[in-house]
Amino acid sequence: MTGRELGLGALAMALAAAVLSVALGIVAAEPVSRALASNQPEREVVTAYGVETIAYATVRRDDGTYRRMLVSRDSLAAVMGDGSLPDGTRILMETYYQPGRLGTVFHKRKVDGAWHYGSFPAASPDLSVAPRASCLTCHAHAAETDFTFTLPSLEAVAGGAAASDFTCGRGGRSPCNLRTYLEGALP
């Protein structure tokens, strides 16, 4: 194969990837951003943690802190909208204790029907997970949404809605009541 043929092949593959991205409504935000040429909502793709994730919700607090919720691309594709998430689902939560200053990244993955949890400083990604009683104690308040407070937002984005952005009246690490998460997922 000549260099010209290889170049044309790479161009064809890049064009096919771009068409697929537009069809899926997904664009890269980090490290590159671009606008969609369709009526699909823009999807922010984050690749900072060794797995490609899509931002699906931002939960703001009255004290100025916020959490940005991410889901792995393959997990988003597997969301069925039936109130539960399949095994293998990976969700990450970036915590911002000061505007623009990323703190700890908490994450969970569903393994054999149960959630396993982990966390890491943003500069040192570590996606290992294990059953953790302290995490499950908090998430038990979201048992009706598969132990995932933001499941309504995740299901909405999987169905084609834009990422949700809403405010919870509680400060710190206290979870909001489930009604806040349900209403936050509404357009």
N, C-alpha and C. Protein backbone atom coordinates (compact mmCIF):
# COMPACT_ATOMS: atom_id res chain seq x y z
N MET A 1 0.84 -1.17 0.00
CA MET A 1 0.00 0.00 0.00
C MET A 1 0.88 1.24 0.00
N THR A 2 0.51 2.23 -0.77
CA THR A 2 1.28 3.46 -0.82
C THR A 2 0.91 4.36 0.35
N GLY A 3 1.75 5.37 0.61
CA GLY A 3 1.45 6.33 1.67
C GLY A 3 0.15 7.07 1.43
N ARG A 4 -0.11 7.37 0.12
CA ARG A 4 -1.36 8.07 -0.22
C ARG A 4 -2.57 7.19 0.11
N GLU A 5 -2.49 5.88 -0.21
CA GLU A 5 -3.59 4.96 0.08
C GLU A 5 -3.80 4.85 1.59
N LEU A 6 -2.70 4.78 2.36
CA LEU A 6 -2.83 4.72 3.82
C LEU A 6 -3.48 5.98 4.36
N GLY A 7 -3.09 7.13 3.80
CA GLY A 7 -3.66 8.41 4.25
C GLY A 7 -5.15 8.48 3.96
N LEU A 8 -5.55 8.00 2.77
CA LEU A 8 -6.97 7.99 2.43
C LEU A 8 -7.75 7.03 3.32
N GLY A 9 -7.15 5.89 3.65
CA GLY A 9 -7.81 4.94 4.55
C GLY A 9 -8.02 5.54 5.93
N ALA A 10 -7.02 6.23 6.46
CA ALA A 10 -7.13 6.87 7.77
C ALA A 10 -8.19 7.96 7.73
N LEU A 11 -8.23 8.72 6.63
CA LEU A 11 -9.23 9.76 6.48
C LEU A 11 -10.63 9.16 6.46
N ALA A 12 -10.81 8.06 5.74
CA ALA A 12 -12.11 7.39 5.68
C ALA A 12 -12.54 6.90 7.06
N MET A 13 -11.59 6.35 7.83
CA MET A 13 -11.91 5.87 9.18
C MET A 13 -12.27 7.04 10.09
N ALA A 14 -11.55 8.16 9.98
CA ALA A 14 -11.85 9.33 10.80
C ALA A 14 -13.23 9.88 10.45
N LEU A 15 -13.56 9.92 9.16
CA LEU A 15 -14.87 10.39 8.72
C LEU A 15 -15.98 9.48 9.23
N ALA A 16 -15.76 8.17 9.17
CA ALA A 16 -16.76 7.21 9.69
C ALA A 16 -16.95 7.41 11.19
N ALA A 17 -15.87 7.62 11.93
CA ALA A 17 -15.98 7.85 13.38
C ALA A 17 -16.74 9.13 13.66
N ALA A 18 -16.50 10.17 12.88
CA ALA A 18 -17.20 11.44 13.08
C ALA A 18 -18.69 11.29 12.81
N VAL A 19 -19.04 10.58 11.75
CA VAL A 19 -20.46 10.35 11.42
C VAL A 19 -21.13 9.56 12.55
N LEU A 20 -20.47 8.53 13.07
CA LEU A 20 -21.02 7.74 14.16
C LEU A 20 -21.19 8.59 15.41
N SER A 21 -20.23 9.45 15.72
CA SER A 21 -20.32 10.32 16.89
C SER A 21 -21.53 11.23 16.78
N VAL A 22 -21.74 11.81 15.59
CA VAL A 22 -22.90 12.70 15.40
C VAL A 22 -24.18 11.90 15.53
N ALA A 23 -24.22 10.71 14.96
CA ALA A 23 -25.42 9.88 15.04
C ALA A 23 -25.76 9.53 16.49
N LEU A 24 -24.73 9.31 17.30
CA LEU A 24 -24.95 8.97 18.71
C LEU A 24 -25.13 10.20 19.58
N GLY A 25 -24.88 11.38 19.03
CA GLY A 25 -25.01 12.60 19.80
C GLY A 25 -23.89 12.78 20.81
N ILE A 26 -22.69 12.32 20.47
CA ILE A 26 -21.58 12.37 21.40
C ILE A 26 -20.45 13.19 20.79
N VAL A 27 -19.90 14.11 21.60
CA VAL A 27 -18.74 14.89 21.17
C VAL A 27 -17.69 14.83 22.26
N ALA A 28 -16.45 15.00 21.89
CA ALA A 28 -15.37 15.01 22.86
C ALA A 28 -15.25 16.39 23.48
N ALA A 29 -15.21 16.49 24.81
CA ALA A 29 -15.03 17.76 25.48
C ALA A 29 -13.64 17.88 26.06
N GLU A 30 -13.03 16.80 26.38
CA GLU A 30 -11.68 16.81 26.91
C GLU A 30 -10.89 15.73 26.20
N PRO A 31 -9.84 16.05 25.51
CA PRO A 31 -9.22 17.35 25.44
C PRO A 31 -9.76 18.27 24.34
N VAL A 32 -10.67 17.82 23.49
CA VAL A 32 -11.14 18.63 22.36
C VAL A 32 -12.65 18.78 22.45
N SER A 33 -13.18 19.98 22.16
CA SER A 33 -14.62 20.21 22.13
C SER A 33 -15.03 20.54 20.70
N ARG A 34 -16.23 20.10 20.32
CA ARG A 34 -16.78 20.50 19.04
C ARG A 34 -18.30 20.44 19.14
N ALA A 35 -18.96 21.25 18.36
CA ALA A 35 -20.42 21.30 18.40
C ALA A 35 -21.00 20.26 17.45
N LEU A 36 -22.18 19.80 17.77
CA LEU A 36 -22.87 18.84 16.91
C LEU A 36 -23.55 19.55 15.75
N ALA A 37 -23.64 18.87 14.66
CA ALA A 37 -24.33 19.41 13.50
C ALA A 37 -25.70 18.76 13.38
N SER A 38 -26.28 18.36 14.51
CA SER A 38 -27.59 17.72 14.49
C SER A 38 -28.43 18.29 15.63
N ASN A 39 -29.64 17.77 15.77
CA ASN A 39 -30.51 18.26 16.84
C ASN A 39 -30.35 17.47 18.13
N GLN A 40 -29.40 16.56 18.21
CA GLN A 40 -29.14 15.81 19.43
C GLN A 40 -28.47 16.72 20.45
N PRO A 41 -28.74 16.54 21.75
CA PRO A 41 -28.04 17.35 22.74
C PRO A 41 -26.56 17.01 22.75
N GLU A 42 -25.75 18.01 23.03
CA GLU A 42 -24.30 17.79 23.08
C GLU A 42 -23.97 16.89 24.26
N ARG A 43 -23.04 15.99 24.06
CA ARG A 43 -22.58 15.08 25.11
C ARG A 43 -21.14 15.43 25.46
N GLU A 44 -20.86 15.65 26.71
CA GLU A 44 -19.51 15.95 27.13
C GLU A 44 -18.79 14.65 27.46
N VAL A 45 -17.70 14.39 26.76
CA VAL A 45 -16.94 13.17 26.95
C VAL A 45 -15.69 13.51 27.76
N VAL A 46 -15.45 12.73 28.81
CA VAL A 46 -14.29 12.93 29.67
C VAL A 46 -13.43 11.67 29.59
N THR A 47 -12.15 11.86 29.31
CA THR A 47 -11.24 10.72 29.17
C THR A 47 -10.13 10.75 30.21
N ALA A 48 -10.27 11.54 31.24
CA ALA A 48 -9.19 11.78 32.20
C ALA A 48 -8.89 10.62 33.13
N TYR A 49 -9.74 9.61 33.21
CA TYR A 49 -9.58 8.58 34.24
C TYR A 49 -9.29 7.18 33.70
N GLY A 50 -8.88 7.10 32.46
CA GLY A 50 -8.54 5.80 31.90
C GLY A 50 -9.73 5.05 31.33
N VAL A 51 -10.89 5.64 31.38
CA VAL A 51 -12.09 5.06 30.78
C VAL A 51 -12.89 6.23 30.21
N GLU A 52 -13.44 6.04 29.02
CA GLU A 52 -14.21 7.11 28.40
C GLU A 52 -15.56 7.24 29.10
N THR A 53 -15.84 8.42 29.62
CA THR A 53 -17.10 8.65 30.34
C THR A 53 -17.85 9.82 29.73
N ILE A 54 -19.13 9.87 30.01
CA ILE A 54 -20.00 10.93 29.53
C ILE A 54 -20.64 11.59 30.74
N ALA A 55 -20.57 12.93 30.78
CA ALA A 55 -21.19 13.68 31.87
C ALA A 55 -22.71 13.66 31.67
N TYR A 56 -23.43 13.24 32.73
CA TYR A 56 -24.89 13.18 32.60
C TYR A 56 -25.63 14.03 33.61
N ALA A 57 -24.96 14.54 34.64
CA ALA A 57 -25.65 15.39 35.62
C ALA A 57 -24.63 16.21 36.40
N THR A 58 -25.06 17.40 36.79
CA THR A 58 -24.32 18.22 37.74
C THR A 58 -25.29 18.54 38.87
N VAL A 59 -24.88 18.21 40.09
CA VAL A 59 -25.71 18.46 41.27
C VAL A 59 -25.01 19.55 42.07
N ARG A 60 -25.62 20.72 42.11
CA ARG A 60 -25.04 21.87 42.79
C ARG A 60 -25.58 21.96 44.22
N ARG A 61 -24.78 22.53 45.10
CA ARG A 61 -25.15 22.73 46.50
C ARG A 61 -25.24 24.22 46.80
N ASP A 62 -26.08 24.58 47.77
CA ASP A 62 -26.23 25.98 48.15
C ASP A 62 -24.94 26.59 48.65
N ASP A 63 -24.01 25.76 49.14
CA ASP A 63 -22.75 26.27 49.68
C ASP A 63 -21.69 26.47 48.60
N GLY A 64 -22.05 26.32 47.31
CA GLY A 64 -21.11 26.55 46.21
C GLY A 64 -20.38 25.30 45.74
N THR A 65 -20.50 24.20 46.47
CA THR A 65 -19.87 22.97 46.04
C THR A 65 -20.77 22.30 45.00
N TYR A 66 -20.22 21.39 44.24
CA TYR A 66 -21.04 20.64 43.30
C TYR A 66 -20.38 19.32 42.97
N ARG A 67 -21.18 18.46 42.35
CA ARG A 67 -20.73 17.13 41.93
C ARG A 67 -21.10 16.95 40.47
N ARG A 68 -20.14 16.47 39.70
CA ARG A 68 -20.42 16.18 38.29
C ARG A 68 -20.44 14.68 38.15
N MET A 69 -21.52 14.16 37.62
CA MET A 69 -21.74 12.73 37.47
C MET A 69 -21.35 12.29 36.07
N LEU A 70 -20.58 11.19 36.02
CA LEU A 70 -20.10 10.63 34.76
C LEU A 70 -20.48 9.16 34.69
N VAL A 71 -20.70 8.67 33.50
CA VAL A 71 -20.99 7.25 33.31
C VAL A 71 -20.14 6.76 32.14
N SER A 72 -19.63 5.55 32.23
CA SER A 72 -18.84 5.04 31.11
C SER A 72 -19.75 4.92 29.89
N ARG A 73 -19.15 5.14 28.72
CA ARG A 73 -19.92 5.12 27.47
C ARG A 73 -20.66 3.80 27.29
N ASP A 74 -19.99 2.67 27.56
CA ASP A 74 -20.65 1.38 27.37
C ASP A 74 -21.78 1.19 28.37
N SER A 75 -21.64 1.75 29.57
CA SER A 75 -22.73 1.66 30.56
C SER A 75 -23.93 2.48 30.12
N LEU A 76 -23.68 3.68 29.56
CA LEU A 76 -24.79 4.51 29.09
C LEU A 76 -25.57 3.79 28.01
N ALA A 77 -24.87 3.11 27.13
CA ALA A 77 -25.53 2.37 26.04
C ALA A 77 -26.37 1.23 26.57
N ALA A 78 -26.05 0.72 27.78
CA ALA A 78 -26.75 -0.43 28.34
C ALA A 78 -27.93 -0.05 29.24
N VAL A 79 -28.11 1.24 29.53
CA VAL A 79 -29.21 1.67 30.40
C VAL A 79 -30.54 1.36 29.72
N MET A 80 -31.39 0.62 30.43
CA MET A 80 -32.64 0.17 29.84
C MET A 80 -33.82 1.06 30.21
N GLY A 81 -33.69 1.90 31.23
CA GLY A 81 -34.80 2.76 31.62
C GLY A 81 -35.85 2.06 32.45
N ASP A 82 -35.50 0.91 33.05
CA ASP A 82 -36.47 0.15 33.84
C ASP A 82 -36.26 0.29 35.34
N GLY A 83 -35.43 1.25 35.76
CA GLY A 83 -35.22 1.46 37.18
C GLY A 83 -34.07 0.68 37.77
N SER A 84 -33.36 -0.07 36.95
CA SER A 84 -32.18 -0.78 37.45
C SER A 84 -31.07 -0.67 36.41
N LEU A 85 -29.85 -0.90 36.85
CA LEU A 85 -28.69 -0.82 35.96
C LEU A 85 -28.05 -2.19 35.84
N PRO A 86 -27.54 -2.53 34.67
CA PRO A 86 -26.97 -3.86 34.47
C PRO A 86 -25.59 -4.01 35.11
N ASP A 87 -25.19 -5.26 35.33
CA ASP A 87 -23.83 -5.53 35.79
C ASP A 87 -22.83 -4.88 34.84
N GLY A 88 -21.74 -4.42 35.41
CA GLY A 88 -20.71 -3.76 34.62
C GLY A 88 -20.86 -2.25 34.57
N THR A 89 -22.02 -1.74 34.97
CA THR A 89 -22.22 -0.29 34.95
C THR A 89 -21.16 0.38 35.81
N ARG A 90 -20.54 1.43 35.26
CA ARG A 90 -19.53 2.20 35.99
C ARG A 90 -19.97 3.67 36.04
N ILE A 91 -20.06 4.21 37.24
CA ILE A 91 -20.44 5.61 37.46
C ILE A 91 -19.35 6.28 38.28
N LEU A 92 -18.98 7.50 37.88
CA LEU A 92 -17.99 8.28 38.61
C LEU A 92 -18.62 9.59 39.06
N MET A 93 -18.18 10.09 40.20
CA MET A 93 -18.67 11.36 40.72
C MET A 93 -17.47 12.25 41.06
N GLU A 94 -17.30 13.30 40.27
CA GLU A 94 -16.27 14.28 40.57
C GLU A 94 -16.81 15.24 41.62
N THR A 95 -16.03 15.51 42.65
CA THR A 95 -16.47 16.44 43.69
C THR A 95 -15.67 17.73 43.60
N TYR A 96 -16.38 18.83 43.65
CA TYR A 96 -15.77 20.17 43.60
C TYR A 96 -16.16 20.88 44.89
N TYR A 97 -15.21 21.01 45.81
CA TYR A 97 -15.47 21.65 47.08
C TYR A 97 -15.28 23.16 47.01
N GLN A 98 -14.63 23.61 45.94
CA GLN A 98 -14.51 25.03 45.60
C GLN A 98 -14.75 25.10 44.10
N PRO A 99 -15.39 26.16 43.62
CA PRO A 99 -15.65 26.25 42.18
C PRO A 99 -14.38 26.05 41.36
N GLY A 100 -14.46 25.10 40.41
CA GLY A 100 -13.35 24.85 39.51
C GLY A 100 -12.20 24.04 40.08
N ARG A 101 -12.26 23.65 41.35
CA ARG A 101 -11.17 22.87 41.96
C ARG A 101 -11.65 21.45 42.23
N LEU A 102 -11.21 20.54 41.39
CA LEU A 102 -11.61 19.14 41.50
C LEU A 102 -10.95 18.50 42.71
N GLY A 103 -11.75 17.86 43.53
CA GLY A 103 -11.25 17.16 44.70
C GLY A 103 -11.20 15.67 44.43
N THR A 104 -11.84 14.91 45.27
CA THR A 104 -11.86 13.46 45.16
C THR A 104 -12.83 13.00 44.07
N VAL A 105 -12.47 11.92 43.39
CA VAL A 105 -13.39 11.27 42.45
C VAL A 105 -13.84 9.97 43.11
N PHE A 106 -15.13 9.88 43.35
CA PHE A 106 -15.73 8.66 43.89
C PHE A 106 -16.29 7.88 42.71
N HIS A 107 -16.30 6.57 42.80
CA HIS A 107 -16.83 5.80 41.69
C HIS A 107 -17.41 4.48 42.21
N LYS A 108 -18.25 3.91 41.37
CA LYS A 108 -18.82 2.60 41.71
C LYS A 108 -19.02 1.80 40.43
N ARG A 109 -19.04 0.49 40.62
CA ARG A 109 -19.25 -0.44 39.50
C ARG A 109 -20.13 -1.57 40.01
N LYS A 110 -21.08 -1.97 39.19
CA LYS A 110 -21.99 -3.05 39.57
C LYS A 110 -21.35 -4.38 39.20
N VAL A 111 -21.20 -5.24 40.21
CA VAL A 111 -20.56 -6.54 40.05
C VAL A 111 -21.47 -7.62 40.63
N ASP A 112 -21.90 -8.56 39.83
CA ASP A 112 -22.78 -9.65 40.28
C ASP A 112 -24.00 -9.11 41.04
N GLY A 113 -24.59 -8.05 40.51
CA GLY A 113 -25.81 -7.49 41.08
C GLY A 113 -25.62 -6.59 42.28
N ALA A 114 -24.39 -6.38 42.72
CA ALA A 114 -24.13 -5.53 43.90
C ALA A 114 -23.16 -4.42 43.51
N TRP A 115 -23.30 -3.28 44.17
CA TRP A 115 -22.42 -2.15 43.89
C TRP A 115 -21.14 -2.28 44.71
N HIS A 116 -20.02 -2.04 44.02
CA HIS A 116 -18.71 -1.98 44.66
C HIS A 116 -18.20 -0.55 44.46
N TYR A 117 -17.48 -0.03 45.45
CA TYR A 117 -17.13 1.39 45.47
C TYR A 117 -15.62 1.61 45.57
N GLY A 118 -15.20 2.80 45.18
CA GLY A 118 -13.81 3.21 45.31
C GLY A 118 -13.72 4.72 45.20
N SER A 119 -12.53 5.25 45.43
CA SER A 119 -12.29 6.69 45.28
C SER A 119 -10.80 6.91 45.03
N PHE A 120 -10.49 8.07 44.48
CA PHE A 120 -9.10 8.41 44.23
C PHE A 120 -8.97 9.92 44.07
N PRO A 121 -7.74 10.46 44.31
CA PRO A 121 -7.51 11.87 43.99
C PRO A 121 -7.48 12.00 42.46
N ALA A 122 -7.99 13.11 41.94
CA ALA A 122 -8.12 13.27 40.50
C ALA A 122 -6.80 13.07 39.75
N ALA A 123 -5.70 13.42 40.37
CA ALA A 123 -4.40 13.31 39.71
C ALA A 123 -3.87 11.88 39.65
N SER A 124 -4.50 10.96 40.40
CA SER A 124 -4.02 9.57 40.45
C SER A 124 -5.17 8.60 40.27
N PRO A 125 -5.73 8.50 39.06
CA PRO A 125 -6.88 7.61 38.84
C PRO A 125 -6.60 6.16 39.23
N ASP A 126 -7.56 5.58 39.92
CA ASP A 126 -7.50 4.18 40.34
C ASP A 126 -8.93 3.66 40.33
N LEU A 127 -9.27 2.87 39.35
CA LEU A 127 -10.65 2.41 39.20
C LEU A 127 -10.94 1.10 39.91
N SER A 128 -10.08 0.70 40.84
CA SER A 128 -10.37 -0.52 41.59
C SER A 128 -11.55 -0.27 42.53
N VAL A 129 -12.36 -1.30 42.72
CA VAL A 129 -13.54 -1.20 43.56
C VAL A 129 -13.62 -2.41 44.48
N ALA A 130 -14.36 -2.25 45.56
CA ALA A 130 -14.59 -3.34 46.51
C ALA A 130 -15.90 -3.06 47.23
N PRO A 131 -16.53 -4.09 47.81
CA PRO A 131 -17.72 -3.82 48.62
C PRO A 131 -17.30 -2.93 49.80
N ARG A 132 -18.02 -1.85 50.03
CA ARG A 132 -17.68 -0.93 51.13
C ARG A 132 -18.96 -0.59 51.87
N ALA A 133 -19.04 -1.02 53.12
CA ALA A 133 -20.24 -0.79 53.93
C ALA A 133 -20.52 0.69 54.12
N SER A 134 -19.48 1.52 54.30
CA SER A 134 -19.69 2.95 54.53
C SER A 134 -20.37 3.60 53.32
N CYS A 135 -20.02 3.20 52.12
CA CYS A 135 -20.65 3.74 50.91
C CYS A 135 -22.09 3.25 50.79
N LEU A 136 -22.27 1.96 51.03
CA LEU A 136 -23.60 1.37 50.90
C LEU A 136 -24.57 1.95 51.92
N THR A 137 -24.08 2.31 53.10
CA THR A 137 -24.94 2.90 54.12
C THR A 137 -25.60 4.17 53.60
N CYS A 138 -24.82 5.02 52.94
CA CYS A 138 -25.37 6.25 52.37
C CYS A 138 -26.28 5.94 51.19
N HIS A 139 -25.84 5.08 50.31
CA HIS A 139 -26.60 4.77 49.10
C HIS A 139 -27.87 3.96 49.39
N ALA A 140 -27.98 3.41 50.58
CA ALA A 140 -29.20 2.68 50.95
C ALA A 140 -30.43 3.59 50.88
N HIS A 141 -30.23 4.90 51.03
CA HIS A 141 -31.34 5.86 50.93
C HIS A 141 -31.90 5.91 49.51
N ALA A 142 -31.16 5.36 48.55
CA ALA A 142 -31.60 5.36 47.16
C ALA A 142 -31.90 3.93 46.69
N ALA A 143 -32.36 3.08 47.60
CA ALA A 143 -32.63 1.68 47.24
C ALA A 143 -33.64 1.57 46.11
N GLU A 144 -34.63 2.45 46.08
CA GLU A 144 -35.66 2.35 45.04
C GLU A 144 -35.17 2.78 43.66
N THR A 145 -33.98 3.39 43.60
CA THR A 145 -33.40 3.75 42.30
C THR A 145 -32.06 3.02 42.13
N ASP A 146 -32.05 1.74 42.50
CA ASP A 146 -30.89 0.87 42.35
C ASP A 146 -29.65 1.46 43.03
N PHE A 147 -29.85 2.06 44.21
CA PHE A 147 -28.76 2.61 45.02
C PHE A 147 -27.99 3.69 44.27
N THR A 148 -28.67 4.34 43.33
CA THR A 148 -28.06 5.37 42.49
C THR A 148 -28.95 6.60 42.54
N PHE A 149 -28.56 7.60 43.32
CA PHE A 149 -29.38 8.80 43.49
C PHE A 149 -29.73 9.44 42.16
N THR A 150 -28.79 9.49 41.24
CA THR A 150 -29.00 10.20 39.98
C THR A 150 -29.52 9.30 38.86
N LEU A 151 -30.07 8.15 39.18
CA LEU A 151 -30.60 7.26 38.15
C LEU A 151 -31.63 7.96 37.25
N PRO A 152 -32.53 8.80 37.77
CA PRO A 152 -33.47 9.47 36.85
C PRO A 152 -32.76 10.32 35.79
N SER A 153 -31.70 11.02 36.17
CA SER A 153 -30.94 11.81 35.20
C SER A 153 -30.22 10.91 34.21
N LEU A 154 -29.66 9.82 34.69
CA LEU A 154 -28.95 8.88 33.82
C LEU A 154 -29.91 8.27 32.80
N GLU A 155 -31.08 7.87 33.23
CA GLU A 155 -32.06 7.30 32.31
C GLU A 155 -32.54 8.34 31.29
N ALA A 156 -32.69 9.60 31.74
CA ALA A 156 -33.11 10.66 30.82
C ALA A 156 -32.07 10.88 29.73
N VAL A 157 -30.79 10.94 30.12
CA VAL A 157 -29.72 11.13 29.14
C VAL A 157 -29.63 9.92 28.20
N ALA A 158 -29.77 8.73 28.73
CA ALA A 158 -29.75 7.53 27.89
C ALA A 158 -30.89 7.57 26.87
N GLY A 159 -31.99 8.23 27.24
CA GLY A 159 -33.14 8.35 26.34
C GLY A 159 -33.03 9.52 25.37
N GLY A 160 -31.92 10.28 25.43
CA GLY A 160 -31.72 11.36 24.46
C GLY A 160 -31.81 12.76 25.02
N ALA A 161 -32.10 12.91 26.32
CA ALA A 161 -32.19 14.24 26.92
C ALA A 161 -30.80 14.84 27.14
N ALA A 162 -30.77 16.13 27.33
CA ALA A 162 -29.52 16.81 27.68
C ALA A 162 -29.16 16.46 29.12
N ALA A 163 -27.89 16.59 29.47
CA ALA A 163 -27.44 16.36 30.85
C ALA A 163 -28.20 17.29 31.78
N SER A 164 -28.54 16.80 32.97
CA SER A 164 -29.28 17.62 33.92
C SER A 164 -28.32 18.45 34.76
N ASP A 165 -28.82 19.56 35.26
CA ASP A 165 -28.05 20.47 36.10
C ASP A 165 -29.05 21.07 37.08
N PHE A 166 -28.94 20.69 38.35
CA PHE A 166 -29.91 21.15 39.33
C PHE A 166 -29.25 21.37 40.68
N THR A 167 -30.00 21.99 41.58
CA THR A 167 -29.47 22.34 42.90
C THR A 167 -30.17 21.56 43.99
N CYS A 168 -29.37 21.10 44.93
CA CYS A 168 -29.83 20.40 46.13
C CYS A 168 -29.64 21.37 47.30
N GLY A 169 -30.62 21.50 48.14
CA GLY A 169 -30.55 22.44 49.25
C GLY A 169 -29.67 22.00 50.41
N ARG A 170 -29.09 20.83 50.34
CA ARG A 170 -28.25 20.35 51.43
C ARG A 170 -26.78 20.60 51.12
N GLY A 171 -26.01 20.88 52.13
CA GLY A 171 -24.59 21.10 51.95
C GLY A 171 -23.78 19.85 52.22
N GLY A 172 -22.48 19.96 51.98
CA GLY A 172 -21.56 18.87 52.30
C GLY A 172 -21.84 17.61 51.51
N ARG A 173 -21.65 16.48 52.18
CA ARG A 173 -21.81 15.18 51.50
C ARG A 173 -23.18 14.55 51.74
N SER A 174 -24.09 15.26 52.39
CA SER A 174 -25.42 14.72 52.65
C SER A 174 -26.17 14.55 51.34
N PRO A 175 -26.76 13.38 51.13
CA PRO A 175 -27.54 13.21 49.90
C PRO A 175 -28.83 14.02 49.96
N CYS A 176 -29.29 14.43 48.81
CA CYS A 176 -30.57 15.12 48.72
C CYS A 176 -31.68 14.08 48.88
N ASN A 177 -32.90 14.56 49.09
CA ASN A 177 -33.99 13.58 49.11
C ASN A 177 -34.26 13.15 47.67
N LEU A 178 -34.84 11.98 47.51
CA LEU A 178 -35.03 11.42 46.17
C LEU A 178 -35.88 12.30 45.26
N ARG A 179 -36.80 13.05 45.83
CA ARG A 179 -37.65 13.94 45.02
C ARG A 179 -36.79 14.97 44.27
N THR A 180 -35.74 15.47 44.93
CA THR A 180 -34.84 16.43 44.30
C THR A 180 -34.21 15.82 43.05
N TYR A 181 -33.76 14.58 43.14
CA TYR A 181 -33.14 13.91 42.00
C TYR A 181 -34.15 13.64 40.89
N LEU A 182 -35.38 13.27 41.28
CA LEU A 182 -36.41 13.02 40.27
C LEU A 182 -36.76 14.30 39.54
N GLU A 183 -36.96 15.39 40.28
CA GLU A 183 -37.31 16.67 39.66
C GLU A 183 -36.12 17.23 38.87
N GLY A 184 -34.89 16.96 39.32
CA GLY A 184 -33.72 17.45 38.63
C GLY A 184 -33.53 16.83 37.25
N ALA A 185 -34.08 15.66 37.04
CA ALA A 185 -33.95 14.98 35.76
C ALA A 185 -34.93 15.50 34.72
N LEU A 186 -35.92 16.28 35.16
CA LEU A 186 -36.91 16.79 34.22
C LEU A 186 -36.32 17.93 33.40
N PRO A 187 -36.70 18.02 32.12
CA PRO A 187 -36.18 19.11 31.26
C PRO A 187 -36.70 20.45 31.69
